[in-house]
């Protein structure tokens, strides 16, 4: 299995992308309506330039999030149908592994093998679309909330490695 933390990250945040885009629309509208007070208050924070810059930055952020959603959709379409279903149910619908395995009539062990294969296929599809791990991380790096999910996955991976390493050390000490 490859190191698919970028792929896992964007799958996990997929369900929030529409909500964030809608929130950005509301922020833009609120800031545009409040820009009426530019002349009255004479406040530099509410100058035409700062309002326009704020709206442009938020619009670009929204475009980036929409493009990320489209990228995920395209990569999922490129995957095998069972792989796509497993990824959607696991990461987007946040269903339990046991329930997904039961629904697809898979043993738990086979389910986890299929999940790892699905992640590898999804990562390969992202690479075909020009978004290998480094490019993907560069693309999402400006979204702090997405990077927080990514960093939590790194911490979880490192904790798993520490547990595995301590298990090996205990086995060596016993043996």
N, C-alpha and C. Protein backbone atom coordinates (compact mmCIF):
# COMPACT_ATOMS: atom_id res chain seq x y z
N UNK A 1 0.83 -1.19 0.00
CA UNK A 1 0.00 0.00 0.00
C UNK A 1 0.88 1.25 0.00
N UNK A 2 0.50 2.20 -0.81
CA UNK A 2 1.23 3.46 -0.87
C UNK A 2 0.82 4.35 0.30
N UNK A 3 1.57 5.40 0.48
CA UNK A 3 1.31 6.38 1.51
C UNK A 3 0.27 7.36 0.96
N UNK A 4 -1.03 7.14 1.23
CA UNK A 4 -2.13 7.87 0.60
C UNK A 4 -2.76 8.93 1.50
N UNK A 5 -2.00 9.63 2.28
CA UNK A 5 -2.59 10.57 3.22
C UNK A 5 -3.26 11.76 2.52
N UNK A 6 -2.68 12.22 1.42
CA UNK A 6 -3.31 13.32 0.68
C UNK A 6 -4.64 12.89 0.11
N UNK A 7 -4.70 11.69 -0.44
CA UNK A 7 -5.95 11.16 -1.00
C UNK A 7 -6.99 10.98 0.09
N UNK A 8 -6.59 10.41 1.23
CA UNK A 8 -7.52 10.23 2.35
C UNK A 8 -8.04 11.58 2.83
N UNK A 9 -7.15 12.55 2.89
CA UNK A 9 -7.53 13.88 3.38
C UNK A 9 -8.63 14.48 2.52
N UNK A 10 -8.43 14.49 1.21
CA UNK A 10 -9.43 15.15 0.37
C UNK A 10 -10.74 14.36 0.34
N UNK A 11 -10.66 13.04 0.50
CA UNK A 11 -11.89 12.26 0.58
C UNK A 11 -12.65 12.59 1.87
N UNK A 12 -11.92 12.80 2.96
CA UNK A 12 -12.55 13.09 4.24
C UNK A 12 -13.19 14.48 4.26
N UNK A 13 -12.62 15.43 3.56
CA UNK A 13 -13.17 16.80 3.59
C UNK A 13 -14.21 17.04 2.49
N UNK A 14 -14.37 16.09 1.59
CA UNK A 14 -15.28 16.26 0.45
C UNK A 14 -16.67 16.72 0.88
N UNK A 15 -17.22 16.10 1.90
CA UNK A 15 -18.61 16.40 2.30
C UNK A 15 -18.77 17.83 2.84
N UNK A 16 -17.67 18.49 3.18
CA UNK A 16 -17.74 19.84 3.71
C UNK A 16 -17.51 20.92 2.65
N UNK A 17 -17.07 20.53 1.48
CA UNK A 17 -16.69 21.52 0.46
C UNK A 17 -17.86 22.39 0.04
N UNK A 18 -19.05 21.81 -0.14
CA UNK A 18 -20.22 22.61 -0.51
C UNK A 18 -20.59 23.61 0.58
N UNK A 19 -20.53 23.16 1.84
CA UNK A 19 -20.87 24.05 2.96
C UNK A 19 -19.89 25.22 3.06
N UNK A 20 -18.62 24.93 2.85
CA UNK A 20 -17.61 25.99 2.92
C UNK A 20 -17.83 26.98 1.77
N UNK A 21 -18.12 26.45 0.58
CA UNK A 21 -18.37 27.32 -0.58
C UNK A 21 -19.59 28.21 -0.32
N UNK A 22 -20.65 27.65 0.28
CA UNK A 22 -21.82 28.46 0.62
C UNK A 22 -21.49 29.52 1.67
N UNK A 23 -20.68 29.15 2.64
CA UNK A 23 -20.27 30.12 3.67
C UNK A 23 -19.45 31.25 3.05
N UNK A 24 -18.62 30.91 2.08
CA UNK A 24 -17.84 31.94 1.39
C UNK A 24 -18.77 32.90 0.65
N UNK A 25 -19.81 32.37 0.02
CA UNK A 25 -20.79 33.23 -0.66
C UNK A 25 -21.43 34.20 0.32
N UNK A 26 -21.79 33.70 1.50
CA UNK A 26 -22.41 34.57 2.51
C UNK A 26 -21.43 35.64 3.00
N UNK A 27 -20.16 35.27 3.17
CA UNK A 27 -19.15 36.26 3.58
C UNK A 27 -18.98 37.35 2.53
N UNK A 28 -18.95 36.92 1.28
CA UNK A 28 -18.81 37.90 0.19
C UNK A 28 -20.00 38.85 0.17
N UNK A 29 -21.19 38.29 0.29
CA UNK A 29 -22.39 39.13 0.28
C UNK A 29 -22.40 40.11 1.45
N UNK A 30 -22.07 39.61 2.63
CA UNK A 30 -22.05 40.45 3.82
C UNK A 30 -21.03 41.58 3.68
N UNK A 31 -19.85 41.25 3.19
CA UNK A 31 -18.81 42.28 3.05
C UNK A 31 -19.20 43.30 1.99
N UNK A 32 -19.81 42.83 0.88
CA UNK A 32 -20.24 43.75 -0.17
C UNK A 32 -21.33 44.68 0.34
N UNK A 33 -22.29 44.16 1.09
CA UNK A 33 -23.36 45.01 1.63
C UNK A 33 -22.83 46.00 2.66
N UNK A 34 -21.87 45.56 3.44
CA UNK A 34 -21.30 46.45 4.46
C UNK A 34 -20.35 47.48 3.86
N UNK A 35 -19.98 47.31 2.62
CA UNK A 35 -19.07 48.29 1.99
C UNK A 35 -19.76 49.63 1.76
N UNK A 36 -21.06 49.66 1.94
CA UNK A 36 -21.81 50.90 1.83
C UNK A 36 -21.27 51.96 2.79
N UNK A 37 -20.74 51.54 3.90
CA UNK A 37 -20.26 52.44 4.94
C UNK A 37 -18.88 52.99 4.67
N UNK A 38 -18.33 52.75 3.48
CA UNK A 38 -16.98 53.23 3.14
C UNK A 38 -16.89 54.73 3.28
N UNK A 39 -17.79 55.44 2.61
CA UNK A 39 -17.73 56.90 2.62
C UNK A 39 -18.10 57.49 3.95
N UNK A 40 -19.03 56.88 4.65
CA UNK A 40 -19.53 57.42 5.90
C UNK A 40 -18.48 57.35 7.00
N UNK A 41 -17.85 56.20 7.12
CA UNK A 41 -16.90 56.01 8.22
C UNK A 41 -15.49 56.48 7.87
N UNK A 42 -15.14 56.46 6.60
CA UNK A 42 -13.79 56.82 6.20
C UNK A 42 -12.76 55.84 6.73
N UNK A 43 -13.14 54.63 6.97
CA UNK A 43 -12.28 53.61 7.54
C UNK A 43 -11.46 52.96 6.43
N UNK A 44 -10.14 52.88 6.61
CA UNK A 44 -9.27 52.26 5.61
C UNK A 44 -9.54 50.77 5.44
N UNK A 45 -9.97 50.10 6.51
CA UNK A 45 -10.28 48.67 6.41
C UNK A 45 -11.48 48.41 5.52
N UNK A 46 -12.27 49.43 5.30
CA UNK A 46 -13.47 49.28 4.50
C UNK A 46 -13.36 50.10 3.20
N UNK A 47 -12.13 50.37 2.77
CA UNK A 47 -11.94 51.10 1.52
C UNK A 47 -12.36 50.23 0.36
N UNK A 48 -12.59 50.85 -0.77
CA UNK A 48 -13.00 50.11 -1.95
C UNK A 48 -11.95 49.07 -2.32
N UNK A 49 -10.69 49.46 -2.20
CA UNK A 49 -9.61 48.53 -2.53
C UNK A 49 -9.63 47.31 -1.60
N UNK A 50 -9.75 47.52 -0.29
CA UNK A 50 -9.71 46.40 0.65
C UNK A 50 -10.95 45.51 0.49
N UNK A 51 -12.10 46.11 0.23
CA UNK A 51 -13.32 45.32 0.01
C UNK A 51 -13.17 44.48 -1.25
N UNK A 52 -12.69 45.10 -2.34
CA UNK A 52 -12.51 44.37 -3.59
C UNK A 52 -11.48 43.26 -3.43
N UNK A 53 -10.38 43.54 -2.74
CA UNK A 53 -9.34 42.53 -2.52
C UNK A 53 -9.89 41.37 -1.69
N UNK A 54 -10.66 41.67 -0.67
CA UNK A 54 -11.26 40.65 0.18
C UNK A 54 -12.20 39.75 -0.64
N UNK A 55 -13.04 40.37 -1.45
CA UNK A 55 -14.00 39.62 -2.27
C UNK A 55 -13.28 38.77 -3.32
N UNK A 56 -12.26 39.32 -3.94
CA UNK A 56 -11.49 38.56 -4.94
C UNK A 56 -10.81 37.36 -4.29
N UNK A 57 -10.19 37.56 -3.13
CA UNK A 57 -9.51 36.45 -2.43
C UNK A 57 -10.49 35.35 -2.05
N UNK A 58 -11.65 35.73 -1.54
CA UNK A 58 -12.64 34.73 -1.19
C UNK A 58 -13.17 34.02 -2.42
N UNK A 59 -13.36 34.74 -3.51
CA UNK A 59 -13.84 34.13 -4.76
C UNK A 59 -12.82 33.12 -5.28
N UNK A 60 -11.55 33.46 -5.21
CA UNK A 60 -10.50 32.53 -5.66
C UNK A 60 -10.46 31.30 -4.76
N UNK A 61 -10.66 31.51 -3.48
CA UNK A 61 -10.70 30.37 -2.55
C UNK A 61 -11.86 29.45 -2.88
N UNK A 62 -13.03 30.03 -3.18
CA UNK A 62 -14.20 29.23 -3.53
C UNK A 62 -13.95 28.44 -4.82
N UNK A 63 -13.34 29.09 -5.80
CA UNK A 63 -13.03 28.40 -7.06
C UNK A 63 -12.10 27.21 -6.80
N UNK A 64 -11.12 27.41 -5.93
CA UNK A 64 -10.19 26.32 -5.61
C UNK A 64 -10.92 25.15 -4.96
N UNK A 65 -11.85 25.43 -4.06
CA UNK A 65 -12.60 24.37 -3.39
C UNK A 65 -13.53 23.64 -4.36
N UNK A 66 -14.15 24.39 -5.26
CA UNK A 66 -15.02 23.76 -6.27
C UNK A 66 -14.18 22.88 -7.20
N UNK A 67 -13.01 23.37 -7.59
CA UNK A 67 -12.13 22.57 -8.44
C UNK A 67 -11.65 21.31 -7.72
N UNK A 68 -11.43 21.40 -6.42
CA UNK A 68 -11.05 20.23 -5.64
C UNK A 68 -12.18 19.20 -5.64
N UNK A 69 -13.40 19.67 -5.49
CA UNK A 69 -14.56 18.77 -5.52
C UNK A 69 -14.68 18.09 -6.89
N UNK A 70 -14.49 18.84 -7.95
CA UNK A 70 -14.55 18.27 -9.30
C UNK A 70 -13.42 17.27 -9.50
N UNK A 71 -12.23 17.58 -9.00
CA UNK A 71 -11.09 16.66 -9.10
C UNK A 71 -11.41 15.33 -8.41
N UNK A 72 -11.99 15.40 -7.23
CA UNK A 72 -12.35 14.18 -6.50
C UNK A 72 -13.38 13.38 -7.28
N UNK A 73 -14.39 14.07 -7.80
CA UNK A 73 -15.43 13.39 -8.60
C UNK A 73 -14.82 12.70 -9.82
N UNK A 74 -13.93 13.38 -10.51
CA UNK A 74 -13.30 12.80 -11.70
C UNK A 74 -12.45 11.59 -11.34
N UNK A 75 -11.70 11.68 -10.25
CA UNK A 75 -10.85 10.56 -9.84
C UNK A 75 -11.70 9.37 -9.42
N UNK A 76 -12.81 9.61 -8.74
CA UNK A 76 -13.70 8.52 -8.34
C UNK A 76 -14.34 7.85 -9.56
N UNK A 77 -14.69 8.65 -10.56
CA UNK A 77 -15.27 8.09 -11.79
C UNK A 77 -14.27 7.20 -12.51
N UNK A 78 -13.00 7.51 -12.39
CA UNK A 78 -11.95 6.74 -13.05
C UNK A 78 -11.68 5.40 -12.35
N UNK A 79 -12.06 5.31 -11.07
CA UNK A 79 -11.84 4.08 -10.30
C UNK A 79 -12.90 3.03 -10.64
N UNK A 80 -12.58 1.79 -10.30
CA UNK A 80 -13.55 0.69 -10.41
C UNK A 80 -14.75 1.02 -9.54
N UNK A 81 -15.93 0.57 -9.94
CA UNK A 81 -17.17 0.95 -9.24
C UNK A 81 -17.19 0.51 -7.78
N UNK A 82 -16.69 -0.70 -7.48
CA UNK A 82 -16.66 -1.15 -6.08
C UNK A 82 -15.68 -0.31 -5.27
N UNK A 83 -14.56 0.03 -5.87
CA UNK A 83 -13.59 0.89 -5.17
C UNK A 83 -14.22 2.24 -4.85
N UNK A 84 -14.89 2.82 -5.82
CA UNK A 84 -15.55 4.11 -5.61
C UNK A 84 -16.59 4.02 -4.50
N UNK A 85 -17.39 2.96 -4.53
CA UNK A 85 -18.43 2.80 -3.52
C UNK A 85 -17.82 2.67 -2.12
N UNK A 86 -16.77 1.89 -2.01
CA UNK A 86 -16.13 1.71 -0.71
C UNK A 86 -15.56 3.04 -0.20
N UNK A 87 -14.91 3.79 -1.08
CA UNK A 87 -14.32 5.08 -0.67
C UNK A 87 -15.41 6.07 -0.26
N UNK A 88 -16.47 6.12 -1.03
CA UNK A 88 -17.57 7.05 -0.71
C UNK A 88 -18.20 6.69 0.63
N UNK A 89 -18.48 5.40 0.82
CA UNK A 89 -19.11 4.98 2.07
C UNK A 89 -18.19 5.19 3.27
N UNK A 90 -16.90 4.92 3.10
CA UNK A 90 -15.96 5.03 4.21
C UNK A 90 -15.64 6.48 4.56
N UNK A 91 -15.26 7.25 3.56
CA UNK A 91 -14.74 8.59 3.85
C UNK A 91 -15.79 9.69 3.75
N UNK A 92 -16.68 9.61 2.79
CA UNK A 92 -17.65 10.68 2.61
C UNK A 92 -18.89 10.49 3.47
N UNK A 93 -19.38 9.24 3.53
CA UNK A 93 -20.56 8.96 4.33
C UNK A 93 -20.21 8.60 5.76
N UNK A 94 -18.93 8.39 6.04
CA UNK A 94 -18.41 8.12 7.39
C UNK A 94 -19.08 6.89 8.02
N UNK A 95 -19.27 5.86 7.21
CA UNK A 95 -19.87 4.62 7.71
C UNK A 95 -18.80 3.75 8.36
N UNK A 96 -19.22 2.88 9.20
CA UNK A 96 -18.30 1.97 9.89
C UNK A 96 -17.85 0.87 8.94
N UNK A 97 -16.61 0.46 9.10
CA UNK A 97 -16.02 -0.56 8.23
C UNK A 97 -16.81 -1.86 8.26
N UNK A 98 -17.26 -2.24 9.44
CA UNK A 98 -18.01 -3.48 9.57
C UNK A 98 -19.28 -3.43 8.71
N UNK A 99 -19.99 -2.29 8.76
CA UNK A 99 -21.23 -2.16 7.99
C UNK A 99 -20.97 -2.18 6.49
N UNK A 100 -19.90 -1.55 6.07
CA UNK A 100 -19.55 -1.53 4.64
C UNK A 100 -19.21 -2.94 4.17
N UNK A 101 -18.41 -3.65 4.95
CA UNK A 101 -18.03 -5.02 4.59
C UNK A 101 -19.27 -5.91 4.50
N UNK A 102 -20.17 -5.78 5.45
CA UNK A 102 -21.39 -6.58 5.45
C UNK A 102 -22.26 -6.26 4.22
N UNK A 103 -22.42 -4.99 3.91
CA UNK A 103 -23.23 -4.57 2.77
C UNK A 103 -22.70 -5.14 1.46
N UNK A 104 -21.38 -5.20 1.33
CA UNK A 104 -20.77 -5.68 0.08
C UNK A 104 -20.43 -7.17 0.15
N UNK A 105 -20.89 -7.81 1.22
CA UNK A 105 -20.69 -9.25 1.39
C UNK A 105 -19.20 -9.62 1.35
N UNK A 106 -18.41 -8.86 2.11
CA UNK A 106 -16.97 -9.09 2.19
C UNK A 106 -16.59 -9.44 3.62
N UNK A 107 -15.58 -10.28 3.77
CA UNK A 107 -15.04 -10.50 5.11
C UNK A 107 -14.31 -9.23 5.52
N UNK A 108 -14.08 -9.08 6.82
CA UNK A 108 -13.39 -7.87 7.28
C UNK A 108 -12.01 -7.74 6.65
N UNK A 109 -11.30 -8.83 6.60
CA UNK A 109 -9.95 -8.82 6.04
C UNK A 109 -9.98 -8.43 4.55
N UNK A 110 -10.93 -9.01 3.81
CA UNK A 110 -11.06 -8.68 2.39
C UNK A 110 -11.47 -7.23 2.21
N UNK A 111 -12.34 -6.75 3.10
CA UNK A 111 -12.76 -5.35 3.03
C UNK A 111 -11.55 -4.42 3.17
N UNK A 112 -10.72 -4.65 4.16
CA UNK A 112 -9.56 -3.76 4.37
C UNK A 112 -8.58 -3.85 3.21
N UNK A 113 -8.44 -5.04 2.64
CA UNK A 113 -7.59 -5.17 1.46
C UNK A 113 -8.18 -4.36 0.30
N UNK A 114 -9.49 -4.46 0.11
CA UNK A 114 -10.17 -3.70 -0.95
C UNK A 114 -10.09 -2.20 -0.69
N UNK A 115 -10.20 -1.80 0.56
CA UNK A 115 -10.08 -0.39 0.91
C UNK A 115 -8.70 0.14 0.53
N UNK A 116 -7.66 -0.61 0.86
CA UNK A 116 -6.29 -0.19 0.52
C UNK A 116 -6.10 -0.15 -1.00
N UNK A 117 -6.65 -1.13 -1.70
CA UNK A 117 -6.58 -1.13 -3.17
C UNK A 117 -7.34 0.07 -3.74
N UNK A 118 -8.49 0.38 -3.15
CA UNK A 118 -9.30 1.51 -3.61
C UNK A 118 -8.54 2.83 -3.42
N UNK A 119 -7.86 2.96 -2.28
CA UNK A 119 -7.06 4.17 -2.04
C UNK A 119 -5.91 4.27 -3.03
N UNK A 120 -5.27 3.14 -3.31
CA UNK A 120 -4.19 3.14 -4.30
C UNK A 120 -4.73 3.53 -5.68
N UNK A 121 -5.89 2.97 -6.05
CA UNK A 121 -6.49 3.30 -7.35
C UNK A 121 -6.88 4.77 -7.41
N UNK A 122 -7.44 5.27 -6.32
CA UNK A 122 -7.83 6.68 -6.28
C UNK A 122 -6.60 7.58 -6.40
N UNK A 123 -5.54 7.24 -5.70
CA UNK A 123 -4.29 8.02 -5.80
C UNK A 123 -3.73 7.97 -7.23
N UNK A 124 -3.81 6.80 -7.85
CA UNK A 124 -3.34 6.68 -9.24
C UNK A 124 -4.19 7.54 -10.17
N UNK A 125 -5.49 7.57 -9.94
CA UNK A 125 -6.38 8.40 -10.75
C UNK A 125 -6.04 9.88 -10.57
N UNK A 126 -5.74 10.26 -9.33
CA UNK A 126 -5.35 11.65 -9.08
C UNK A 126 -4.06 11.98 -9.84
N UNK A 127 -3.12 11.04 -9.83
CA UNK A 127 -1.85 11.25 -10.56
C UNK A 127 -2.11 11.40 -12.06
N UNK A 128 -3.01 10.57 -12.60
CA UNK A 128 -3.35 10.69 -14.02
C UNK A 128 -3.91 12.06 -14.35
N UNK A 129 -4.61 12.64 -13.38
CA UNK A 129 -5.19 13.97 -13.56
C UNK A 129 -4.20 15.08 -13.25
N UNK A 130 -2.96 14.69 -12.93
CA UNK A 130 -1.91 15.68 -12.69
C UNK A 130 -1.74 16.08 -11.23
N UNK A 131 -2.35 15.32 -10.32
CA UNK A 131 -2.29 15.67 -8.90
C UNK A 131 -1.73 14.52 -8.08
N UNK A 132 -0.43 14.27 -8.25
CA UNK A 132 0.24 13.31 -7.39
C UNK A 132 0.35 13.94 -6.00
N UNK A 133 0.84 13.20 -5.04
CA UNK A 133 0.83 13.63 -3.63
C UNK A 133 1.38 15.05 -3.42
N UNK A 134 2.56 15.36 -3.96
CA UNK A 134 3.17 16.68 -3.73
C UNK A 134 2.35 17.80 -4.35
N UNK A 135 1.87 17.60 -5.56
CA UNK A 135 1.06 18.63 -6.23
C UNK A 135 -0.26 18.82 -5.48
N UNK A 136 -0.85 17.73 -5.02
CA UNK A 136 -2.09 17.81 -4.27
C UNK A 136 -1.89 18.58 -2.97
N UNK A 137 -0.82 18.26 -2.26
CA UNK A 137 -0.54 18.97 -1.01
C UNK A 137 -0.27 20.45 -1.25
N UNK A 138 0.41 20.76 -2.33
CA UNK A 138 0.65 22.15 -2.68
C UNK A 138 -0.67 22.86 -2.97
N UNK A 139 -1.58 22.17 -3.64
CA UNK A 139 -2.87 22.75 -4.02
C UNK A 139 -3.73 23.05 -2.79
N UNK A 140 -3.71 22.16 -1.80
CA UNK A 140 -4.57 22.35 -0.63
C UNK A 140 -3.87 23.07 0.52
N UNK A 141 -2.61 23.39 0.37
CA UNK A 141 -1.83 23.95 1.49
C UNK A 141 -2.36 25.28 2.01
N UNK A 142 -3.06 26.04 1.20
CA UNK A 142 -3.57 27.33 1.66
C UNK A 142 -4.85 27.18 2.49
N UNK A 143 -5.46 26.01 2.46
CA UNK A 143 -6.67 25.76 3.26
C UNK A 143 -6.25 25.13 4.59
N UNK A 144 -6.20 25.95 5.62
CA UNK A 144 -5.70 25.49 6.92
C UNK A 144 -6.55 24.38 7.50
N UNK A 145 -7.85 24.44 7.30
CA UNK A 145 -8.72 23.41 7.86
C UNK A 145 -8.49 22.06 7.20
N UNK A 146 -8.16 22.05 5.91
CA UNK A 146 -7.85 20.80 5.22
C UNK A 146 -6.48 20.29 5.68
N UNK A 147 -5.53 21.19 5.83
CA UNK A 147 -4.20 20.78 6.28
C UNK A 147 -4.24 20.25 7.72
N UNK A 148 -5.18 20.75 8.52
CA UNK A 148 -5.33 20.22 9.88
C UNK A 148 -5.76 18.75 9.83
N UNK A 149 -6.67 18.42 8.91
CA UNK A 149 -7.09 17.02 8.74
C UNK A 149 -5.88 16.19 8.30
N UNK A 150 -5.12 16.71 7.35
CA UNK A 150 -3.93 16.01 6.87
C UNK A 150 -2.93 15.78 8.00
N UNK A 151 -2.69 16.80 8.81
CA UNK A 151 -1.74 16.67 9.92
C UNK A 151 -2.22 15.67 10.96
N UNK A 152 -3.54 15.61 11.19
CA UNK A 152 -4.07 14.61 12.12
C UNK A 152 -3.85 13.20 11.59
N UNK A 153 -3.98 13.03 10.27
CA UNK A 153 -3.73 11.72 9.68
C UNK A 153 -2.26 11.34 9.84
N UNK A 154 -1.37 12.32 9.69
CA UNK A 154 0.06 12.06 9.88
C UNK A 154 0.32 11.63 11.32
N UNK A 155 -0.28 12.35 12.27
CA UNK A 155 -0.09 12.00 13.69
C UNK A 155 -0.62 10.60 13.97
N UNK A 156 -1.78 10.26 13.42
CA UNK A 156 -2.34 8.92 13.62
C UNK A 156 -1.43 7.86 13.02
N UNK A 157 -0.88 8.14 11.85
CA UNK A 157 0.04 7.19 11.20
C UNK A 157 1.28 7.01 12.06
N UNK A 158 1.82 8.12 12.58
CA UNK A 158 3.01 8.03 13.43
C UNK A 158 2.72 7.29 14.72
N UNK A 159 1.52 7.48 15.31
CA UNK A 159 1.15 6.75 16.52
C UNK A 159 1.06 5.27 16.22
N UNK A 160 0.48 4.91 15.07
CA UNK A 160 0.41 3.50 14.68
C UNK A 160 1.80 2.90 14.56
N UNK A 161 2.72 3.66 13.96
CA UNK A 161 4.10 3.16 13.83
C UNK A 161 4.77 3.01 15.18
N UNK A 162 4.50 3.91 16.12
CA UNK A 162 5.06 3.81 17.47
C UNK A 162 4.52 2.57 18.15
N UNK A 163 3.20 2.31 18.00
CA UNK A 163 2.60 1.12 18.61
C UNK A 163 3.22 -0.13 18.00
N UNK A 164 3.36 -0.16 16.69
CA UNK A 164 3.96 -1.31 16.01
C UNK A 164 5.41 -1.49 16.47
N UNK A 165 6.17 -0.39 16.52
CA UNK A 165 7.56 -0.48 16.94
C UNK A 165 7.69 -0.96 18.38
N UNK A 166 6.82 -0.47 19.27
CA UNK A 166 6.90 -0.91 20.66
C UNK A 166 6.50 -2.38 20.77
N UNK A 167 5.55 -2.83 19.93
CA UNK A 167 5.19 -4.24 19.90
C UNK A 167 6.39 -5.08 19.47
N UNK A 168 7.11 -4.63 18.44
CA UNK A 168 8.31 -5.35 17.98
C UNK A 168 9.38 -5.39 19.05
N UNK A 169 9.55 -4.26 19.75
CA UNK A 169 10.55 -4.22 20.81
C UNK A 169 10.20 -5.19 21.94
N UNK A 170 8.92 -5.25 22.29
CA UNK A 170 8.48 -6.20 23.33
C UNK A 170 8.73 -7.63 22.88
N UNK A 171 8.44 -7.93 21.62
CA UNK A 171 8.67 -9.28 21.10
C UNK A 171 10.16 -9.63 21.14
N UNK A 172 11.00 -8.65 20.78
CA UNK A 172 12.44 -8.89 20.81
C UNK A 172 12.93 -9.11 22.24
N UNK A 173 12.37 -8.35 23.17
CA UNK A 173 12.77 -8.48 24.57
C UNK A 173 12.36 -9.85 25.14
N UNK A 174 11.18 -10.30 24.69
CA UNK A 174 10.71 -11.61 25.16
C UNK A 174 11.50 -12.75 24.52
N UNK A 175 11.86 -12.57 23.23
CA UNK A 175 12.46 -13.64 22.44
C UNK A 175 13.89 -13.84 22.73
